[in-house]
């Protein structure tokens, strides 16, 4: 049993007691937090590793609940387009051109960026093929994740990227049976019908049946992202997006819905009644011109809202600090400067994500018994407040960048320590990604 003592300058526990501790240390044993004690009470005898992080703030790792690792290679290649055109003209053709090598490279460079900026857990939606390569990359690098191939049996925009309904359900079930709870439980499965316009009712309901019959699987889809999408759903099903999803019985605490921008009052009531989870993706929503989600209204109803960067080509980065900052700022011109506090946003990025994934008893806060998913932040940088008596949440949400991340741990193992990756070679990941992107673009042309 490995043991470690991490001495931190300050600790944001994120617990129900809302404690921020000074002069304490976190004790990690066998991948879990076994103690949080004042430094003067530390007994170091027998510790395998003692980490002096007295110049850092220790926080729970960030949890991003909507990511597309399969798209990371396409960063900068799909700009200035509305959602449906973005998919039809760029993303669907790019995804269809993937092979196993390019998919693995896309996942690896995305994972490296996520870890470097303090994300320890993701909910990822892949493409139709080569999902095993995404899982392999996540497994090798040590990230925690829910994964799932994108399910599409309708695609009028790009018919090459779809599959028969029975095949989509069969392959999803096979992947779930093989990979759910794999890598010692660090990787779990989420059935992922892409969105209403790319799926038949049979597919969406069949995917949910797998989830409802399972232990710990999730249902992951997009909903009400753009006005064009909402109008197309309305024309096809004669109802609003969330209303349709509710009518076919796929909304519950196991449902994670990305975006949810264009909602009416009835749809918000449905989300509240079904305890469905909303993933807010502010950078993506702005870049695609999709709109500004009604986050204050969702929070006031008690709907769980978490954060995600979405895919790299609609962002163009995977940086949780940016998502937090925008989440806080976007609502202020509409509702006033006090509408969402930095603390609320920080909780959306941590324990809110854990709740969306059904893992709030395991991750999302620094508490005894929880998994040791930990990030150390160095707030002694030029762009941070000089006086450390200021509000920590404010400094993290409004001032921090990936450069503030000193070290990242998942389940007691350092993935990034003192600004160095422990399980991958950064330059090799970049070299491989560039090579595979060039070959993918050649396949398209």
Protein backbone atom coordinates (compact mmCIF):
# COMPACT_ATOMS: atom_id res chain seq x y z
CA UNK A 1 0.00 0.00 0.00
CA UNK A 2 1.57 3.27 -1.20
CA UNK A 3 1.33 6.30 1.10
CA UNK A 4 2.01 9.95 0.42
CA UNK A 5 1.83 13.19 2.37
CA UNK A 6 1.14 16.40 0.42
CA UNK A 7 1.83 19.56 2.43
CA UNK A 8 -0.18 22.41 0.88
CA UNK A 9 -0.21 26.14 1.53
CA UNK A 10 -4.00 26.14 1.26
CA UNK A 11 -6.62 23.48 0.55
CA UNK A 12 -10.03 24.05 -1.01
CA UNK A 13 -11.89 21.02 0.29
CA UNK A 14 -15.12 21.72 -1.62
CA UNK A 15 -16.87 19.70 1.07
CA UNK A 16 -20.33 20.37 2.44
CA UNK A 17 -18.64 22.36 5.22
CA UNK A 18 -17.07 24.69 2.64
CA UNK A 19 -13.70 24.55 4.37
CA UNK A 20 -10.63 26.34 3.06
CA UNK A 21 -7.68 25.18 5.13
CA UNK A 22 -4.21 26.67 5.71
CA UNK A 23 -1.16 24.82 6.97
CA UNK A 24 -2.65 21.38 6.41
CA UNK A 25 -1.56 18.27 4.58
CA UNK A 26 -3.46 15.62 2.65
CA UNK A 27 -2.53 12.02 3.31
CA UNK A 28 -2.98 9.64 0.38
CA UNK A 29 -2.98 5.87 0.73
CA UNK A 30 -3.74 3.33 -1.95
CA UNK A 31 -5.20 5.94 -4.27
CA UNK A 32 -7.57 7.49 -1.74
CA UNK A 33 -7.50 10.41 0.68
CA UNK A 34 -6.94 8.85 4.09
CA UNK A 35 -6.40 12.01 6.12
CA UNK A 36 -6.47 15.83 6.17
CA UNK A 37 -4.40 17.00 9.13
CA UNK A 38 -2.59 20.09 10.43
CA UNK A 39 1.07 19.97 9.47
CA UNK A 40 2.12 20.00 13.12
CA UNK A 41 0.27 16.70 13.60
CA UNK A 42 1.91 14.91 10.68
CA UNK A 43 3.80 11.74 11.48
CA UNK A 44 5.99 11.16 8.44
CA UNK A 45 7.38 7.82 9.49
CA UNK A 46 6.58 5.23 6.88
CA UNK A 47 5.39 7.63 4.17
CA UNK A 48 6.62 6.55 0.74
CA UNK A 49 6.61 10.12 -0.56
CA UNK A 50 6.47 13.53 1.10
CA UNK A 51 5.54 16.40 -1.22
CA UNK A 52 6.23 19.95 -0.12
CA UNK A 53 3.57 21.98 -1.93
CA UNK A 54 3.51 24.75 0.64
CA UNK A 55 3.62 27.31 -2.17
CA UNK A 56 0.55 25.85 -3.85
CA UNK A 57 -3.20 25.64 -3.40
CA UNK A 58 -4.53 22.07 -3.41
CA UNK A 59 -7.91 21.59 -5.11
CA UNK A 60 -10.00 18.69 -6.41
CA UNK A 61 -9.34 17.92 -10.07
CA UNK A 62 -11.59 19.53 -12.66
CA UNK A 63 -14.33 17.37 -14.20
CA UNK A 64 -15.36 18.13 -17.79
CA UNK A 65 -18.65 16.55 -18.75
CA UNK A 66 -18.64 17.12 -22.50
CA UNK A 67 -15.52 16.47 -24.60
CA UNK A 68 -14.84 15.13 -28.12
CA UNK A 69 -11.30 13.71 -28.12
CA UNK A 70 -11.88 12.40 -31.65
CA UNK A 71 -11.93 16.02 -32.88
CA UNK A 72 -8.76 17.38 -31.29
CA UNK A 73 -6.76 17.07 -34.51
CA UNK A 74 -9.22 19.38 -36.29
CA UNK A 75 -8.44 22.45 -34.17
CA UNK A 76 -8.33 25.56 -36.38
CA UNK A 77 -9.82 23.74 -39.38
CA UNK A 78 -13.53 24.44 -38.77
CA UNK A 79 -13.87 28.09 -37.81
CA UNK A 80 -16.63 30.67 -38.30
CA UNK A 81 -19.49 28.33 -39.13
CA UNK A 82 -22.94 27.76 -37.63
CA UNK A 83 -23.45 24.37 -35.97
CA UNK A 84 -25.20 22.43 -38.73
CA UNK A 85 -22.86 23.81 -41.43
CA UNK A 86 -19.89 23.14 -39.15
CA UNK A 87 -20.92 19.50 -38.90
CA UNK A 88 -21.84 19.04 -42.54
CA UNK A 89 -18.92 20.84 -44.17
CA UNK A 90 -16.10 20.05 -41.74
CA UNK A 91 -16.58 17.78 -38.75
CA UNK A 92 -18.48 14.89 -40.30
CA UNK A 93 -16.02 14.58 -43.25
CA UNK A 94 -13.05 14.80 -40.89
CA UNK A 95 -14.45 12.16 -38.52
CA UNK A 96 -15.26 9.86 -41.44
CA UNK A 97 -11.61 10.05 -42.55
CA UNK A 98 -10.21 8.78 -39.24
CA UNK A 99 -8.31 5.52 -39.06
CA UNK A 100 -7.06 3.82 -35.92
CA UNK A 101 -3.75 5.72 -35.86
CA UNK A 102 -5.24 9.18 -36.34
CA UNK A 103 -7.91 8.50 -33.72
CA UNK A 104 -5.30 7.47 -31.16
CA UNK A 105 -3.19 10.56 -31.96
CA UNK A 106 -6.23 12.84 -31.64
CA UNK A 107 -7.08 11.37 -28.26
CA UNK A 108 -3.52 11.58 -26.96
CA UNK A 109 -2.96 15.23 -27.77
CA UNK A 110 -6.34 16.11 -26.29
CA UNK A 111 -5.63 14.16 -23.10
CA UNK A 112 -2.27 15.88 -22.70
CA UNK A 113 -3.92 19.28 -22.96
CA UNK A 114 -6.63 18.31 -20.47
CA UNK A 115 -4.16 17.02 -17.89
CA UNK A 116 -1.86 20.01 -18.28
CA UNK A 117 -4.77 22.34 -17.48
CA UNK A 118 -5.94 20.44 -14.41
CA UNK A 119 -8.72 18.19 -15.71
CA UNK A 120 -8.73 14.74 -14.13
CA UNK A 121 -12.07 13.32 -15.33
CA UNK A 122 -14.02 13.65 -18.59
CA UNK A 123 -17.22 12.51 -20.24
CA UNK A 124 -16.20 11.92 -23.85
CA UNK A 125 -18.20 11.30 -27.02
CA UNK A 126 -16.26 9.60 -29.80
CA UNK A 127 -17.15 9.06 -33.44
CA UNK A 128 -18.72 6.00 -35.05
CA UNK A 129 -15.50 4.02 -35.41
CA UNK A 130 -12.23 3.31 -33.60
CA UNK A 131 -13.60 3.93 -30.10
CA UNK A 132 -11.10 1.38 -28.77
CA UNK A 133 -8.26 3.76 -29.66
CA UNK A 134 -9.73 6.52 -27.50
CA UNK A 135 -10.16 4.06 -24.64
CA UNK A 136 -6.59 2.80 -25.07
CA UNK A 137 -5.21 6.35 -24.94
CA UNK A 138 -7.20 7.20 -21.81
CA UNK A 139 -6.21 3.93 -20.17
CA UNK A 140 -2.51 4.40 -20.89
CA UNK A 141 -2.34 8.01 -19.69
CA UNK A 142 -4.18 7.54 -16.40
CA UNK A 143 -7.08 9.95 -16.96
CA UNK A 144 -10.48 9.09 -15.48
CA UNK A 145 -13.30 8.99 -18.03
CA UNK A 146 -16.71 7.96 -19.21
CA UNK A 147 -16.42 7.03 -22.88
CA UNK A 148 -18.81 6.13 -25.68
CA UNK A 149 -18.86 5.89 -29.45
CA UNK A 150 -21.17 8.34 -31.19
CA UNK A 151 -24.34 6.59 -32.33
CA UNK A 152 -25.86 7.77 -35.62
CA UNK A 153 -28.28 5.92 -37.87
CA UNK A 154 -29.50 9.06 -39.67
CA UNK A 155 -27.23 11.59 -41.37
CA UNK A 156 -28.76 13.52 -44.22
CA UNK A 157 -25.93 16.06 -43.97
CA UNK A 158 -23.15 13.51 -44.58
CA UNK A 159 -24.49 10.01 -45.37
CA UNK A 160 -21.03 8.40 -45.20
CA UNK A 161 -20.98 8.84 -41.45
CA UNK A 162 -23.78 6.66 -40.14
CA UNK A 163 -24.55 2.98 -39.59
CA UNK A 164 -27.62 0.73 -39.46
CA UNK A 165 -29.62 0.94 -36.26
CA UNK A 166 -29.02 -2.67 -35.25
CA UNK A 167 -25.28 -2.37 -35.87
CA UNK A 168 -25.03 0.82 -33.83
CA UNK A 169 -26.84 -0.80 -30.90
CA UNK A 170 -24.86 -4.04 -31.19
CA UNK A 171 -21.45 -2.36 -31.34
CA UNK A 172 -22.36 -0.04 -28.45
CA UNK A 173 -23.42 -2.99 -26.33
CA UNK A 174 -20.21 -4.85 -27.19
CA UNK A 175 -18.07 -1.87 -26.26
CA UNK A 176 -19.95 -1.36 -23.01
CA UNK A 177 -19.63 -5.01 -22.03
CA UNK A 178 -15.90 -4.95 -22.72
CA UNK A 179 -14.88 -1.56 -21.35
CA UNK A 180 -17.35 -0.44 -18.66
CA UNK A 181 -15.48 -0.45 -15.35
CA UNK A 182 -12.18 -1.27 -17.08
CA UNK A 183 -8.72 -0.11 -16.01
CA UNK A 184 -9.58 -0.83 -12.35
CA UNK A 185 -12.86 1.05 -12.66
CA UNK A 186 -11.24 4.26 -13.92
CA UNK A 187 -12.97 4.00 -17.32
CA UNK A 188 -16.74 3.62 -17.55
CA UNK A 189 -19.15 3.63 -20.48
CA UNK A 190 -21.73 6.17 -21.60
CA UNK A 191 -24.13 5.34 -24.43
CA UNK A 192 -23.90 8.34 -26.76
CA UNK A 193 -26.60 8.89 -29.40
CA UNK A 194 -25.24 12.05 -31.01
CA UNK A 195 -28.36 14.20 -31.14
CA UNK A 196 -31.98 13.96 -32.15
CA UNK A 197 -31.38 14.86 -35.82
CA UNK A 198 -28.85 12.04 -36.29
CA UNK A 199 -30.82 9.27 -34.55
CA UNK A 200 -34.03 7.38 -34.99
CA UNK A 201 -36.36 7.03 -32.04
CA UNK A 202 -35.49 3.32 -31.99
CA UNK A 203 -31.78 4.10 -31.59
CA UNK A 204 -32.23 6.68 -28.87
CA UNK A 205 -34.56 4.46 -26.86
CA UNK A 206 -32.40 1.37 -27.38
CA UNK A 207 -29.34 3.22 -26.11
CA UNK A 208 -31.20 4.33 -22.99
CA UNK A 209 -32.40 0.80 -22.27
CA UNK A 210 -28.77 -0.29 -22.02
CA UNK A 211 -28.09 2.49 -19.55
CA UNK A 212 -31.17 1.93 -17.41
CA UNK A 213 -30.35 -1.78 -17.11
CA UNK A 214 -26.73 -1.16 -16.15
CA UNK A 215 -24.78 -0.36 -13.01
CA UNK A 216 -23.17 3.05 -13.42
CA UNK A 217 -23.49 3.68 -17.17
CA UNK A 218 -24.64 7.09 -18.45
CA UNK A 219 -26.66 8.51 -21.34
CA UNK A 220 -24.79 11.28 -23.18
CA UNK A 221 -26.24 13.40 -25.98
CA UNK A 222 -26.50 16.94 -27.37
CA UNK A 223 -29.70 18.92 -26.99
CA UNK A 224 -31.03 22.35 -28.00
CA UNK A 225 -27.65 23.68 -29.07
CA UNK A 226 -28.60 25.94 -32.00
CA UNK A 227 -31.74 27.59 -33.34
CA UNK A 228 -31.37 25.72 -36.62
CA UNK A 229 -31.22 22.39 -34.82
CA UNK A 230 -34.22 23.24 -32.64
CA UNK A 231 -36.27 24.28 -35.67
CA UNK A 232 -35.39 21.07 -37.51
CA UNK A 233 -36.42 18.98 -34.48
CA UNK A 234 -39.66 20.93 -34.26
CA UNK A 235 -40.43 20.26 -37.93
CA UNK A 236 -39.66 16.55 -37.62
CA UNK A 237 -41.30 15.75 -34.28
CA UNK A 238 -43.78 18.61 -33.79
CA UNK A 239 -42.36 19.39 -30.35
CA UNK A 240 -39.33 20.94 -28.70
CA UNK A 241 -36.06 19.04 -28.23
CA UNK A 242 -36.31 18.31 -24.51
CA UNK A 243 -40.02 17.59 -24.85
CA UNK A 244 -39.23 14.95 -27.47
CA UNK A 245 -36.50 13.34 -25.35
CA UNK A 246 -38.93 13.21 -22.44
CA UNK A 247 -41.69 11.73 -24.61
CA UNK A 248 -39.50 8.74 -25.48
CA UNK A 249 -38.39 8.20 -21.89
CA UNK A 250 -34.65 8.91 -22.05
CA UNK A 251 -34.34 11.58 -19.35
CA UNK A 252 -33.24 10.80 -15.79
CA UNK A 253 -30.38 11.34 -13.36
CA UNK A 254 -28.30 9.18 -15.72
CA UNK A 255 -28.81 11.61 -18.61
CA UNK A 256 -26.14 14.20 -19.43
CA UNK A 257 -27.30 16.77 -21.98
CA UNK A 258 -24.75 19.05 -23.61
CA UNK A 259 -25.60 22.72 -24.28
CA UNK A 260 -29.35 23.14 -23.57
CA UNK A 261 -29.31 26.75 -24.75
CA UNK A 262 -32.73 27.21 -26.34
CA UNK A 263 -35.21 26.01 -23.74
CA UNK A 264 -38.74 27.07 -22.92
CA UNK A 265 -40.25 27.01 -19.42
CA UNK A 266 -41.80 23.57 -19.93
CA UNK A 267 -38.45 22.11 -20.99
CA UNK A 268 -36.74 23.50 -17.91
CA UNK A 269 -39.49 22.02 -15.78
CA UNK A 270 -38.94 18.63 -17.46
CA UNK A 271 -35.21 18.79 -16.70
CA UNK A 272 -36.01 19.62 -13.09
CA UNK A 273 -38.61 16.87 -12.74
CA UNK A 274 -36.42 14.18 -14.34
CA UNK A 275 -33.27 15.32 -12.48
CA UNK A 276 -31.40 15.39 -15.79
CA UNK A 277 -27.92 16.95 -15.92
CA UNK A 278 -26.95 19.89 -18.13
CA UNK A 279 -23.42 20.44 -19.41
CA UNK A 280 -22.68 24.09 -20.08
CA UNK A 281 -20.10 24.75 -22.87
CA UNK A 282 -19.79 28.55 -23.04
CA UNK A 283 -16.77 28.82 -25.37
CA UNK A 284 -18.29 26.47 -27.92
CA UNK A 285 -21.67 28.18 -27.68
CA UNK A 286 -20.05 31.54 -28.43
CA UNK A 287 -17.72 30.38 -31.20
CA UNK A 288 -20.49 28.62 -33.14
CA UNK A 289 -22.83 31.54 -32.51
CA UNK A 290 -25.27 29.18 -30.86
CA UNK A 291 -26.35 31.45 -28.01
CA UNK A 292 -26.11 31.97 -24.26
CA UNK A 293 -27.62 29.30 -22.03
CA UNK A 294 -30.02 30.32 -19.24
CA UNK A 295 -27.72 29.07 -16.51
CA UNK A 296 -29.16 31.19 -13.65
CA UNK A 297 -32.66 29.86 -14.37
CA UNK A 298 -31.38 26.28 -14.41
CA UNK A 299 -29.51 26.73 -11.14
CA UNK A 300 -32.49 28.40 -9.47
CA UNK A 301 -34.55 25.33 -10.30
CA UNK A 302 -31.99 23.06 -8.66
CA UNK A 303 -30.92 21.51 -11.98
CA UNK A 304 -27.37 20.19 -11.81
CA UNK A 305 -25.12 22.12 -14.20
CA UNK A 306 -21.54 21.10 -14.95
CA UNK A 307 -18.98 22.37 -17.47
CA UNK A 308 -17.21 21.13 -20.59
CA UNK A 309 -15.00 22.54 -23.31
CA UNK A 310 -16.70 20.47 -26.05
CA UNK A 311 -14.41 19.65 -28.99
CA UNK A 312 -11.22 21.51 -29.88
CA UNK A 313 -12.47 22.73 -33.31
CA UNK A 314 -15.42 24.60 -31.78
CA UNK A 315 -13.50 26.16 -28.92
CA UNK A 316 -10.37 26.07 -29.84
CA UNK A 317 -8.91 24.68 -26.63
CA UNK A 318 -9.82 22.31 -23.80
CA UNK A 319 -9.08 24.70 -20.95
CA UNK A 320 -11.40 24.54 -17.92
CA UNK A 321 -10.14 27.89 -16.63
CA UNK A 322 -11.57 29.55 -19.73
CA UNK A 323 -14.90 27.77 -19.34
CA UNK A 324 -15.15 28.86 -15.70
CA UNK A 325 -14.29 32.47 -16.49
CA UNK A 326 -16.84 32.68 -19.31
CA UNK A 327 -19.51 30.97 -17.23
CA UNK A 328 -19.12 33.69 -14.62
CA UNK A 329 -18.87 36.62 -17.02
CA UNK A 330 -21.49 35.83 -19.66
CA UNK A 331 -24.49 36.19 -17.38
CA UNK A 332 -23.47 39.49 -15.77
CA UNK A 333 -24.50 41.88 -18.58
CA UNK A 334 -27.91 40.18 -18.63
CA UNK A 335 -28.61 39.68 -14.93
CA UNK A 336 -26.16 41.90 -13.06
CA UNK A 337 -22.69 41.39 -11.56
CA UNK A 338 -23.79 39.28 -8.57
CA UNK A 339 -25.76 36.64 -10.48
CA UNK A 340 -23.13 33.85 -10.38
CA UNK A 341 -20.27 33.85 -7.87
CA UNK A 342 -16.80 32.40 -8.55
CA UNK A 343 -17.44 29.82 -5.85
CA UNK A 344 -20.59 28.60 -7.63
CA UNK A 345 -18.66 28.31 -10.89
CA UNK A 346 -15.81 26.43 -9.21
CA UNK A 347 -18.33 23.97 -7.79
CA UNK A 348 -19.83 23.47 -11.27
CA UNK A 349 -16.34 22.56 -12.50
CA UNK A 350 -15.75 20.04 -9.71
CA UNK A 351 -18.51 18.58 -7.55
CA UNK A 352 -21.16 19.52 -10.15
CA UNK A 353 -19.32 17.40 -12.68
CA UNK A 354 -19.04 14.57 -10.17
CA UNK A 355 -22.81 14.67 -9.58
CA UNK A 356 -23.50 14.58 -13.32
CA UNK A 357 -21.42 11.42 -13.59
CA UNK A 358 -22.94 9.82 -10.50
CA UNK A 359 -19.53 9.92 -8.81
CA UNK A 360 -20.13 12.55 -6.11
CA UNK A 361 -19.28 10.00 -3.41
CA UNK A 362 -15.93 9.27 -5.10
CA UNK A 363 -14.54 12.50 -6.58
CA UNK A 364 -15.16 16.25 -6.80
CA UNK A 365 -13.97 17.29 -3.34
CA UNK A 366 -11.07 16.77 -0.95
CA UNK A 367 -12.58 14.53 1.71
CA UNK A 368 -11.43 11.46 3.58
CA UNK A 369 -12.34 8.30 1.72
CA UNK A 370 -12.60 9.87 -1.70
CA UNK A 371 -10.34 9.10 -4.64
CA UNK A 372 -7.14 11.15 -4.63
CA UNK A 373 -7.84 13.17 -7.79
CA UNK A 374 -5.85 16.27 -6.90
CA UNK A 375 -4.50 19.39 -8.61
CA UNK A 376 -1.83 21.71 -7.22
CA UNK A 377 -2.08 25.34 -8.36
CA UNK A 378 0.73 27.85 -8.11
CA UNK A 379 -0.98 31.20 -7.61
CA UNK A 380 2.29 33.09 -7.25
CA UNK A 381 2.35 34.26 -10.87
CA UNK A 382 2.37 37.73 -12.43
CA UNK A 383 -1.30 37.53 -13.39
CA UNK A 384 -2.57 36.41 -9.98
CA UNK A 385 -3.53 38.66 -7.05
CA UNK A 386 -0.45 39.68 -5.09
CA UNK A 387 -2.13 39.61 -1.67
CA UNK A 388 -3.00 36.02 -0.77
CA UNK A 389 -5.67 37.23 1.65
CA UNK A 390 -7.96 37.70 -1.33
CA UNK A 391 -10.71 35.33 -2.39
CA UNK A 392 -9.26 32.03 -3.66
CA UNK A 393 -12.26 31.25 -5.82
CA UNK A 394 -11.99 34.62 -7.51
CA UNK A 395 -8.31 34.11 -8.23
CA UNK A 396 -8.91 30.66 -9.74
CA UNK A 397 -11.97 31.53 -11.82
CA UNK A 398 -11.01 35.01 -13.03
CA UNK A 399 -7.20 34.97 -13.07
CA UNK A 400 -5.83 31.45 -13.51
CA UNK A 401 -4.52 29.82 -16.67
CA UNK A 402 -3.07 26.38 -17.42
CA UNK A 403 0.33 27.85 -16.54
CA UNK A 404 -0.84 27.95 -12.93
CA UNK A 405 -1.10 24.15 -12.84
CA UNK A 406 1.92 22.70 -11.07
CA UNK A 407 0.93 19.05 -10.63
CA UNK A 408 -1.99 16.72 -11.39
CA UNK A 409 -2.84 13.42 -9.70
CA UNK A 410 -5.50 10.81 -10.49
CA UNK A 411 -6.21 8.14 -7.91
CA UNK A 412 -2.94 8.74 -6.09
CA UNK A 413 -0.71 8.69 -9.20
CA UNK A 414 1.02 11.75 -10.58
CA UNK A 415 0.17 12.30 -14.24
CA UNK A 416 1.88 15.70 -14.32
CA UNK A 417 4.37 16.75 -11.65
CA UNK A 418 6.28 20.01 -11.41
CA UNK A 419 5.09 20.85 -14.94
CA UNK A 420 6.39 17.62 -16.44
CA UNK A 421 4.28 14.73 -17.74
CA UNK A 422 5.10 11.48 -15.99
CA UNK A 423 3.56 9.04 -18.48
CA UNK A 424 4.00 10.60 -21.90
CA UNK A 425 6.53 12.50 -23.95
CA UNK A 426 4.98 15.82 -24.95
CA UNK A 427 7.07 16.39 -28.07
CA UNK A 428 6.42 12.86 -29.33
CA UNK A 429 2.67 13.30 -28.83
CA UNK A 430 2.80 16.50 -30.88
CA UNK A 431 4.95 14.95 -33.61
CA UNK A 432 2.61 11.98 -33.95
CA UNK A 433 -0.46 14.23 -34.04
CA UNK A 434 0.94 16.38 -36.85
CA UNK A 435 1.87 13.32 -38.88
CA UNK A 436 -1.55 11.71 -38.49
CA UNK A 437 -3.39 14.94 -39.28
CA UNK A 438 -1.47 15.33 -42.54
CA UNK A 439 -2.35 11.77 -43.53
CA UNK A 440 -6.01 12.28 -42.58
CA UNK A 441 -6.28 15.42 -44.69
CA UNK A 442 -4.72 13.55 -47.58
CA UNK A 443 -7.40 10.88 -47.29
CA UNK A 444 -10.11 13.55 -47.52
CA UNK A 445 -8.62 15.21 -50.61
